[in-house]
Structures are given as C-alpha cells and as structure tokens.
Amino acid sequence: MIEHYKESKGVIKGNYAPFVTIEKFADLVGLSLDAVKGQVKNGKLPVMQRVGLRRGRVFINMLALEKHAEEQAKEHTNWKSSI
C-alpha cells in the first residue's frame, strides 16, 4: 500500500492508494478484521482480488467507495436533518 503524508497546520493527513488491504481498511474505519471480512464475503464492499498468488490477495476499492458515497449524498440531500 502506498501512503503519502502531508502536514497542514500541525495536522497530518494520510492519502491512500485507490486500493487498500482489508487489514488497512479495518484500521481506517475502526472495524474489526472479522467484520470487514464478513462485509467482503457478503458483497457489501467493492473489492479487487489479486490473481497469481497462492491464495490471492483481496483489496478494497477506495475509489468505488468514494463514488458510492457521493451518489448517496446526492440522493439524500436532507441527511443533516436526521442527525
């Protein structure tokens, strides 16, 4: 995984590659590894499986998640009122 760090007014921000491992995704969103594996198994997360390795490696597609979040935000323009 590629990580780029920028420091802005004392705040460090991480920018991640378009694909992250399920371990890194679990860490980023604060879920257990088992919870993320369950979401992958149930098709709730967009993934890419790397072929060619013994068991293959699963990566979460962060760009697809971002696009999905943007589409949801457009559909639910009144989301702030539900908080």
PDB file of N, CA and C in Angstrom:
ATOM      1  N   MET A   1       0.831  -1.174   0.000  1.00  0.00           N
ATOM      2  CA  MET A   1       0.000   0.000   0.000  1.00  0.00           C
ATOM      3  C   MET A   1       0.881   1.244   0.000  1.00  0.00           C
ATOM      4  N   ILE A   2       0.447   2.251  -0.696  1.00  0.00           N
ATOM      5  CA  ILE A   2       1.202   3.485  -0.790  1.00  0.00           C
ATOM      6  C   ILE A   2       0.568   4.506   0.135  1.00  0.00           C
ATOM      7  N   GLU A   3       1.370   5.135   0.955  1.00  0.00           N
ATOM      8  CA  GLU A   3       0.861   6.188   1.821  1.00  0.00           C
ATOM      9  C   GLU A   3       1.664   7.450   1.577  1.00  0.00           C
ATOM     10  N   HIS A   4       0.977   8.571   1.438  1.00  0.00           N
ATOM     11  CA  HIS A   4       1.614   9.869   1.281  1.00  0.00           C
ATOM     12  C   HIS A   4       1.122  10.732   2.433  1.00  0.00           C
ATOM     13  N   TYR A   5       2.031  11.387   3.108  1.00  0.00           N
ATOM     14  CA  TYR A   5       1.632  12.216   4.232  1.00  0.00           C
ATOM     15  C   TYR A   5       1.917  13.676   3.922  1.00  0.00           C
ATOM     16  N   LYS A   6       0.976  14.514   4.290  1.00  0.00           N
ATOM     17  CA  LYS A   6       1.138  15.951   4.172  1.00  0.00           C
ATOM     18  C   LYS A   6       0.857  16.551   5.537  1.00  0.00           C
ATOM     19  N   GLU A   7       1.641  17.527   5.905  1.00  0.00           N
ATOM     20  CA  GLU A   7       1.387  18.187   7.165  1.00  0.00           C
ATOM     21  C   GLU A   7       0.799  19.555   6.868  1.00  0.00           C
ATOM     22  N   SER A   8      -0.334  19.853   7.476  1.00  0.00           N
ATOM     23  CA  SER A   8      -1.027  21.109   7.245  1.00  0.00           C
ATOM     24  C   SER A   8      -1.435  21.687   8.589  1.00  0.00           C
ATOM     25  N   LYS A   9      -0.769  22.747   8.991  1.00  0.00           N
ATOM     26  CA  LYS A   9      -1.067  23.417  10.255  1.00  0.00           C
ATOM     27  C   LYS A   9      -1.058  22.430  11.425  1.00  0.00           C
ATOM     28  N   GLY A  10      -0.039  21.575  11.471  1.00  0.00           N
ATOM     29  CA  GLY A  10       0.104  20.649  12.584  1.00  0.00           C
ATOM     30  C   GLY A  10      -0.760  19.405  12.496  1.00  0.00           C
ATOM     31  N   VAL A  11      -1.542  19.246  11.430  1.00  0.00           N
ATOM     32  CA  VAL A  11      -2.396  18.073  11.272  1.00  0.00           C
ATOM     33  C   VAL A  11      -1.825  17.209  10.168  1.00  0.00           C
ATOM     34  N   ILE A  12      -1.604  15.947  10.481  1.00  0.00           N
ATOM     35  CA  ILE A  12      -1.081  15.025   9.475  1.00  0.00           C
ATOM     36  C   ILE A  12      -2.256  14.308   8.830  1.00  0.00           C
ATOM     37  N   LYS A  13      -2.312  14.356   7.524  1.00  0.00           N
ATOM     38  CA  LYS A  13      -3.372  13.695   6.768  1.00  0.00           C
ATOM     39  C   LYS A  13      -2.748  12.586   5.946  1.00  0.00           C
ATOM     40  N   GLY A  14      -3.411  11.433   5.887  1.00  0.00           N
ATOM     41  CA  GLY A  14      -2.919  10.327   5.073  1.00  0.00           C
ATOM     42  C   GLY A  14      -3.739  10.207   3.810  1.00  0.00           C
ATOM     43  N   ASN A  15      -3.096  10.130   2.686  1.00  0.00           N
ATOM     44  CA  ASN A  15      -3.757   9.876   1.411  1.00  0.00           C
ATOM     45  C   ASN A  15      -3.346   8.486   0.973  1.00  0.00           C
ATOM     46  N   TYR A  16      -4.322   7.657   0.713  1.00  0.00           N
ATOM     47  CA  TYR A  16      -4.041   6.261   0.440  1.00  0.00           C
ATOM     48  C   TYR A  16      -4.251   5.936  -1.028  1.00  0.00           C
ATOM     49  N   ALA A  17      -3.624   4.868  -1.452  1.00  0.00           N
ATOM     50  CA  ALA A  17      -3.754   4.398  -2.824  1.00  0.00           C
ATOM     51  C   ALA A  17      -5.204   4.010  -3.088  1.00  0.00           C
ATOM     52  N   PRO A  18      -5.613   3.896  -4.344  1.00  0.00           N
ATOM     53  CA  PRO A  18      -7.004   3.549  -4.663  1.00  0.00           C
ATOM     54  C   PRO A  18      -7.429   2.197  -4.105  1.00  0.00           C
ATOM     55  N   PHE A  19      -6.480   1.318  -3.830  1.00  0.00           N
ATOM     56  CA  PHE A  19      -6.783   0.007  -3.270  1.00  0.00           C
ATOM     57  C   PHE A  19      -6.019  -0.158  -1.963  1.00  0.00           C
ATOM     58  N   VAL A  20      -6.701  -0.608  -0.919  1.00  0.00           N
ATOM     59  CA  VAL A  20      -6.040  -0.880   0.357  1.00  0.00           C
ATOM     60  C   VAL A  20      -6.362  -2.312   0.778  1.00  0.00           C
ATOM     61  N   THR A  21      -5.500  -2.884   1.577  1.00  0.00           N
ATOM     62  CA  THR A  21      -5.734  -4.229   2.082  1.00  0.00           C
ATOM     63  C   THR A  21      -6.918  -4.218   3.038  1.00  0.00           C
ATOM     64  N   ILE A  22      -7.488  -5.391   3.279  1.00  0.00           N
ATOM     65  CA  ILE A  22      -8.616  -5.437   4.213  1.00  0.00           C
ATOM     66  C   ILE A  22      -8.149  -5.087   5.620  1.00  0.00           C
ATOM     67  N   GLU A  23      -6.904  -5.380   5.938  1.00  0.00           N
ATOM     68  CA  GLU A  23      -6.372  -5.028   7.254  1.00  0.00           C
ATOM     69  C   GLU A  23      -6.298  -3.510   7.415  1.00  0.00           C
ATOM     70  N   LYS A  24      -5.796  -2.821   6.389  1.00  0.00           N
ATOM     71  CA  LYS A  24      -5.690  -1.357   6.445  1.00  0.00           C
ATOM     72  C   LYS A  24      -7.066  -0.723   6.462  1.00  0.00           C
ATOM     73  N   PHE A  25      -7.999  -1.267   5.685  1.00  0.00           N
ATOM     74  CA  PHE A  25      -9.360  -0.730   5.664  1.00  0.00           C
ATOM     75  C   PHE A  25      -9.999  -0.852   7.044  1.00  0.00           C
ATOM     76  N   ALA A  26      -9.825  -2.006   7.685  1.00  0.00           N
ATOM     77  CA  ALA A  26     -10.374  -2.202   9.030  1.00  0.00           C
ATOM     78  C   ALA A  26      -9.803  -1.159   9.985  1.00  0.00           C
ATOM     79  N   ASP A  27      -8.516  -0.903   9.880  1.00  0.00           N
ATOM     80  CA  ASP A  27      -7.867   0.095  10.725  1.00  0.00           C
ATOM     81  C   ASP A  27      -8.395   1.499  10.435  1.00  0.00           C
ATOM     82  N   LEU A  28      -8.575   1.832   9.160  1.00  0.00           N
ATOM     83  CA  LEU A  28      -9.037   3.167   8.774  1.00  0.00           C
ATOM     84  C   LEU A  28     -10.453   3.470   9.258  1.00  0.00           C
ATOM     85  N   VAL A  29     -11.332   2.481   9.184  1.00  0.00           N
ATOM     86  CA  VAL A  29     -12.739   2.728   9.535  1.00  0.00           C
ATOM     87  C   VAL A  29     -13.082   2.306  10.954  1.00  0.00           C
ATOM     88  N   GLY A  30     -12.136   1.691  11.665  1.00  0.00           N
ATOM     89  CA  GLY A  30     -12.370   1.327  13.051  1.00  0.00           C
ATOM     90  C   GLY A  30     -13.227   0.094  13.247  1.00  0.00           C
ATOM     91  N   LEU A  31     -13.160  -0.829  12.301  1.00  0.00           N
ATOM     92  CA  LEU A  31     -13.889  -2.092  12.427  1.00  0.00           C
ATOM     93  C   LEU A  31     -12.903  -3.222  12.676  1.00  0.00           C
ATOM     94  N   SER A  32     -13.401  -4.327  13.205  1.00  0.00           N
ATOM     95  CA  SER A  32     -12.540  -5.489  13.386  1.00  0.00           C
ATOM     96  C   SER A  32     -12.259  -6.118  12.023  1.00  0.00           C
ATOM     97  N   LEU A  33     -11.192  -6.853  11.948  1.00  0.00           N
ATOM     98  CA  LEU A  33     -10.831  -7.541  10.711  1.00  0.00           C
ATOM     99  C   LEU A  33     -11.919  -8.533  10.318  1.00  0.00           C
ATOM    100  N   ASP A  34     -12.487  -9.228  11.305  1.00  0.00           N
ATOM    101  CA  ASP A  34     -13.566 -10.172  11.015  1.00  0.00           C
ATOM    102  C   ASP A  34     -14.799  -9.481  10.444  1.00  0.00           C
ATOM    103  N   ALA A  35     -15.111  -8.286  10.943  1.00  0.00           N
ATOM    104  CA  ALA A  35     -16.266  -7.535  10.429  1.00  0.00           C
ATOM    105  C   ALA A  35     -16.061  -7.162   8.964  1.00  0.00           C
ATOM    106  N   VAL A  36     -14.856  -6.729   8.628  1.00  0.00           N
ATOM    107  CA  VAL A  36     -14.557  -6.352   7.235  1.00  0.00           C
ATOM    108  C   VAL A  36     -14.576  -7.588   6.341  1.00  0.00           C
ATOM    109  N   LYS A  37     -14.008  -8.690   6.817  1.00  0.00           N
ATOM    110  CA  LYS A  37     -14.023  -9.930   6.031  1.00  0.00           C
ATOM    111  C   LYS A  37     -15.467 -10.376   5.774  1.00  0.00           C
ATOM    112  N   GLY A  38     -16.342 -10.206   6.762  1.00  0.00           N
ATOM    113  CA  GLY A  38     -17.748 -10.548   6.584  1.00  0.00           C
ATOM    114  C   GLY A  38     -18.413  -9.679   5.541  1.00  0.00           C
ATOM    115  N   GLN A  39     -18.093  -8.372   5.544  1.00  0.00           N
ATOM    116  CA  GLN A  39     -18.661  -7.465   4.543  1.00  0.00           C
ATOM    117  C   GLN A  39     -18.166  -7.815   3.147  1.00  0.00           C
ATOM    118  N   VAL A  40     -16.909  -8.206   3.039  1.00  0.00           N
ATOM    119  CA  VAL A  40     -16.363  -8.627   1.744  1.00  0.00           C
ATOM    120  C   VAL A  40     -17.072  -9.892   1.273  1.00  0.00           C
ATOM    121  N   LYS A  41     -17.209 -10.857   2.175  1.00  0.00           N
ATOM    122  CA  LYS A  41     -17.848 -12.129   1.831  1.00  0.00           C
ATOM    123  C   LYS A  41     -19.292 -11.931   1.385  1.00  0.00           C
ATOM    124  N   ASN A  42     -20.006 -10.973   2.015  1.00  0.00           N
ATOM    125  CA  ASN A  42     -21.404 -10.707   1.676  1.00  0.00           C
ATOM    126  C   ASN A  42     -21.560  -9.740   0.499  1.00  0.00           C
ATOM    127  N   GLY A  43     -20.451  -9.311  -0.101  1.00  0.00           N
ATOM    128  CA  GLY A  43     -20.520  -8.431  -1.263  1.00  0.00           C
ATOM    129  C   GLY A  43     -20.872  -6.996  -0.939  1.00  0.00           C
ATOM    130  N   LYS A  44     -20.640  -6.566   0.286  1.00  0.00           N
ATOM    131  CA  LYS A  44     -21.001  -5.209   0.700  1.00  0.00           C
ATOM    132  C   LYS A  44     -19.894  -4.200   0.447  1.00  0.00           C
ATOM    133  N   LEU A  45     -18.716  -4.678   0.090  1.00  0.00           N
ATOM    134  CA  LEU A  45     -17.595  -3.784  -0.199  1.00  0.00           C
ATOM    135  C   LEU A  45     -17.042  -4.091  -1.585  1.00  0.00           C
ATOM    136  N   PRO A  46     -16.683  -3.042  -2.344  1.00  0.00           N
ATOM    137  CA  PRO A  46     -16.098  -3.272  -3.671  1.00  0.00           C
ATOM    138  C   PRO A  46     -14.656  -3.744  -3.524  1.00  0.00           C
ATOM    139  N   VAL A  47     -14.368  -4.878  -4.109  1.00  0.00           N
ATOM    140  CA  VAL A  47     -13.036  -5.458  -3.951  1.00  0.00           C
ATOM    141  C   VAL A  47     -12.405  -5.804  -5.289  1.00  0.00           C
ATOM    142  N   MET A  48     -11.095  -5.962  -5.225  1.00  0.00           N
ATOM    143  CA  MET A  48     -10.321  -6.477  -6.341  1.00  0.00           C
ATOM    144  C   MET A  48      -9.490  -7.601  -5.758  1.00  0.00           C
ATOM    145  N   GLN A  49      -9.529  -8.754  -6.379  1.00  0.00           N
ATOM    146  CA  GLN A  49      -8.705  -9.868  -5.906  1.00  0.00           C
ATOM    147  C   GLN A  49      -7.512 -10.003  -6.821  1.00  0.00           C
ATOM    148  N   ARG A  50      -6.359  -9.951  -6.232  1.00  0.00           N
ATOM    149  CA  ARG A  50      -5.118 -10.078  -6.987  1.00  0.00           C
ATOM    150  C   ARG A  50      -4.892 -11.539  -7.316  1.00  0.00           C
ATOM    151  N   VAL A  51      -4.725 -11.815  -8.569  1.00  0.00           N
ATOM    152  CA  VAL A  51      -4.556 -13.188  -9.032  1.00  0.00           C
ATOM    153  C   VAL A  51      -3.068 -13.483  -9.165  1.00  0.00           C
ATOM    154  N   GLY A  52      -2.722 -14.747  -9.045  1.00  0.00           N
ATOM    155  CA  GLY A  52      -1.340 -15.131  -9.261  1.00  0.00           C
ATOM    156  C   GLY A  52      -0.628 -15.534  -7.990  1.00  0.00           C
ATOM    157  N   LEU A  53      -1.146 -15.116  -6.878  1.00  0.00           N
ATOM    158  CA  LEU A  53      -0.548 -15.546  -5.620  1.00  0.00           C
ATOM    159  C   LEU A  53      -1.215 -16.835  -5.181  1.00  0.00           C
ATOM    160  N   ARG A  54      -0.634 -17.491  -4.231  1.00  0.00           N
ATOM    161  CA  ARG A  54      -1.153 -18.784  -3.797  1.00  0.00           C
ATOM    162  C   ARG A  54      -2.641 -18.712  -3.457  1.00  0.00           C
ATOM    163  N   ARG A  55      -3.022 -17.823  -2.589  1.00  0.00           N
ATOM    164  CA  ARG A  55      -4.434 -17.704  -2.214  1.00  0.00           C
ATOM    165  C   ARG A  55      -5.060 -16.434  -2.760  1.00  0.00           C
ATOM    166  N   GLY A  56      -4.297 -15.617  -3.405  1.00  0.00           N
ATOM    167  CA  GLY A  56      -4.814 -14.344  -3.881  1.00  0.00           C
ATOM    168  C   GLY A  56      -4.885 -13.359  -2.738  1.00  0.00           C
ATOM    169  N   ARG A  57      -4.861 -12.116  -3.039  1.00  0.00           N
ATOM    170  CA  ARG A  57      -4.917 -11.074  -2.021  1.00  0.00           C
ATOM    171  C   ARG A  57      -6.095 -10.186  -2.346  1.00  0.00           C
ATOM    172  N   VAL A  58      -6.902  -9.850  -1.356  1.00  0.00           N
ATOM    173  CA  VAL A  58      -8.097  -9.035  -1.556  1.00  0.00           C
ATOM    174  C   VAL A  58      -7.788  -7.600  -1.171  1.00  0.00           C
ATOM    175  N   PHE A  59      -8.185  -6.672  -2.037  1.00  0.00           N
ATOM    176  CA  PHE A  59      -8.018  -5.249  -1.786  1.00  0.00           C
ATOM    177  C   PHE A  59      -9.372  -4.553  -1.871  1.00  0.00           C
ATOM    178  N   ILE A  60      -9.592  -3.571  -1.012  1.00  0.00           N
ATOM    179  CA  ILE A  60     -10.815  -2.769  -1.028  1.00  0.00           C
ATOM    180  C   ILE A  60     -10.603  -1.618  -2.006  1.00  0.00           C
ATOM    181  N   ASN A  61     -11.566  -1.395  -2.889  1.00  0.00           N
ATOM    182  CA  ASN A  61     -11.503  -0.325  -3.879  1.00  0.00           C
ATOM    183  C   ASN A  61     -12.018   0.968  -3.241  1.00  0.00           C
ATOM    184  N   MET A  62     -11.107   1.822  -2.818  1.00  0.00           N
ATOM    185  CA  MET A  62     -11.468   3.058  -2.127  1.00  0.00           C
ATOM    186  C   MET A  62     -12.138   4.066  -3.063  1.00  0.00           C
ATOM    187  N   LEU A  63     -11.765   4.069  -4.337  1.00  0.00           N
ATOM    188  CA  LEU A  63     -12.389   4.991  -5.291  1.00  0.00           C
ATOM    189  C   LEU A  63     -13.856   4.642  -5.514  1.00  0.00           C
ATOM    190  N   ALA A  64     -14.154   3.349  -5.613  1.00  0.00           N
ATOM    191  CA  ALA A  64     -15.544   2.927  -5.779  1.00  0.00           C
ATOM    192  C   ALA A  64     -16.364   3.296  -4.552  1.00  0.00           C
ATOM    193  N   LEU A  65     -15.788   3.172  -3.363  1.00  0.00           N
ATOM    194  CA  LEU A  65     -16.494   3.576  -2.143  1.00  0.00           C
ATOM    195  C   LEU A  65     -16.769   5.075  -2.127  1.00  0.00           C
ATOM    196  N   GLU A  66     -15.791   5.861  -2.565  1.00  0.00           N
ATOM    197  CA  GLU A  66     -15.960   7.312  -2.609  1.00  0.00           C
ATOM    198  C   GLU A  66     -17.071   7.703  -3.585  1.00  0.00           C
ATOM    199  N   LYS A  67     -17.089   7.076  -4.758  1.00  0.00           N
ATOM    200  CA  LYS A  67     -18.134   7.367  -5.741  1.00  0.00           C
ATOM    201  C   LYS A  67     -19.512   6.985  -5.207  1.00  0.00           C
ATOM    202  N   HIS A  68     -19.587   5.844  -4.525  1.00  0.00           N
ATOM    203  CA  HIS A  68     -20.851   5.406  -3.943  1.00  0.00           C
ATOM    204  C   HIS A  68     -21.318   6.402  -2.879  1.00  0.00           C
ATOM    205  N   ALA A  69     -20.397   6.884  -2.059  1.00  0.00           N
ATOM    206  CA  ALA A  69     -20.749   7.864  -1.027  1.00  0.00           C
ATOM    207  C   ALA A  69     -21.250   9.167  -1.645  1.00  0.00           C
ATOM    208  N   GLU A  70     -20.626   9.598  -2.741  1.00  0.00           N
ATOM    209  CA  GLU A  70     -21.066  10.812  -3.425  1.00  0.00           C
ATOM    210  C   GLU A  70     -22.474  10.641  -3.994  1.00  0.00           C
ATOM    211  N   GLU A  71     -22.753   9.471  -4.585  1.00  0.00           N
ATOM    212  CA  GLU A  71     -24.087   9.200  -5.116  1.00  0.00           C
ATOM    213  C   GLU A  71     -25.129   9.188  -4.009  1.00  0.00           C
ATOM    214  N   GLN A  72     -24.801   8.585  -2.879  1.00  0.00           N
ATOM    215  CA  GLN A  72     -25.721   8.557  -1.742  1.00  0.00           C
ATOM    216  C   GLN A  72     -25.983   9.959  -1.228  1.00  0.00           C
ATOM    217  N   ALA A  73     -24.953  10.780  -1.174  1.00  0.00           N
ATOM    218  CA  ALA A  73     -25.113  12.148  -0.680  1.00  0.00           C
ATOM    219  C   ALA A  73     -26.057  12.941  -1.580  1.00  0.00           C
ATOM    220  N   LYS A  74     -25.994  12.709  -2.878  1.00  0.00           N
ATOM    221  CA  LYS A  74     -26.892  13.402  -3.802  1.00  0.00           C
ATOM    222  C   LYS A  74     -28.330  12.950  -3.617  1.00  0.00           C
ATOM    223  N   GLU A  75     -28.529  11.663  -3.351  1.00  0.00           N
ATOM    224  CA  GLU A  75     -29.872  11.124  -3.166  1.00  0.00           C
ATOM    225  C   GLU A  75     -30.493  11.573  -1.851  1.00  0.00           C
ATOM    226  N   HIS A  76     -29.670  11.723  -0.840  1.00  0.00           N
ATOM    227  CA  HIS A  76     -30.165  12.061   0.491  1.00  0.00           C
ATOM    228  C   HIS A  76     -29.714  13.466   0.859  1.00  0.00           C
ATOM    229  N   THR A  77     -30.290  14.439   0.187  1.00  0.00           N
ATOM    230  CA  THR A  77     -29.880  15.821   0.404  1.00  0.00           C
ATOM    231  C   THR A  77     -30.289  16.328   1.777  1.00  0.00           C
ATOM    232  N   ASN A  78     -31.217  15.661   2.428  1.00  0.00           N
ATOM    233  CA  ASN A  78     -31.700  16.110   3.720  1.00  0.00           C
ATOM    234  C   ASN A  78     -31.091  15.292   4.856  1.00  0.00           C
ATOM    235  N   TRP A  79     -29.901  14.751   4.661  1.00  0.00           N
ATOM    236  CA  TRP A  79     -29.303  13.858   5.657  1.00  0.00           C
ATOM    237  C   TRP A  79     -28.970  14.558   6.962  1.00  0.00           C
ATOM    238  N   LYS A  80     -28.654  15.859   6.923  1.00  0.00           N
ATOM    239  CA  LYS A  80     -28.301  16.560   8.147  1.00  0.00           C
ATOM    240  C   LYS A  80     -29.477  16.665   9.116  1.00  0.00           C
ATOM    241  N   SER A  81     -30.677  16.701   8.572  1.00  0.00           N
ATOM    242  CA  SER A  81     -31.835  16.829   9.441  1.00  0.00           C
ATOM    243  C   SER A  81     -32.099  15.552  10.236  1.00  0.00           C
ATOM    244  N   SER A  82     -31.550  14.431   9.803  1.00  0.00           N
ATOM    245  CA  SER A  82     -31.761  13.176  10.507  1.00  0.00           C
ATOM    246  C   SER A  82     -30.795  12.972  11.664  1.00  0.00           C
ATOM    247  N   ILE A  83     -29.822  13.879  11.804  1.00  0.00           N
ATOM    248  CA  ILE A  83     -28.847  13.748  12.889  1.00  0.00           C
ATOM    249  C   ILE A  83     -29.415  14.339  14.163  1.00  0.00           C
TER     250      ILE A  83
END
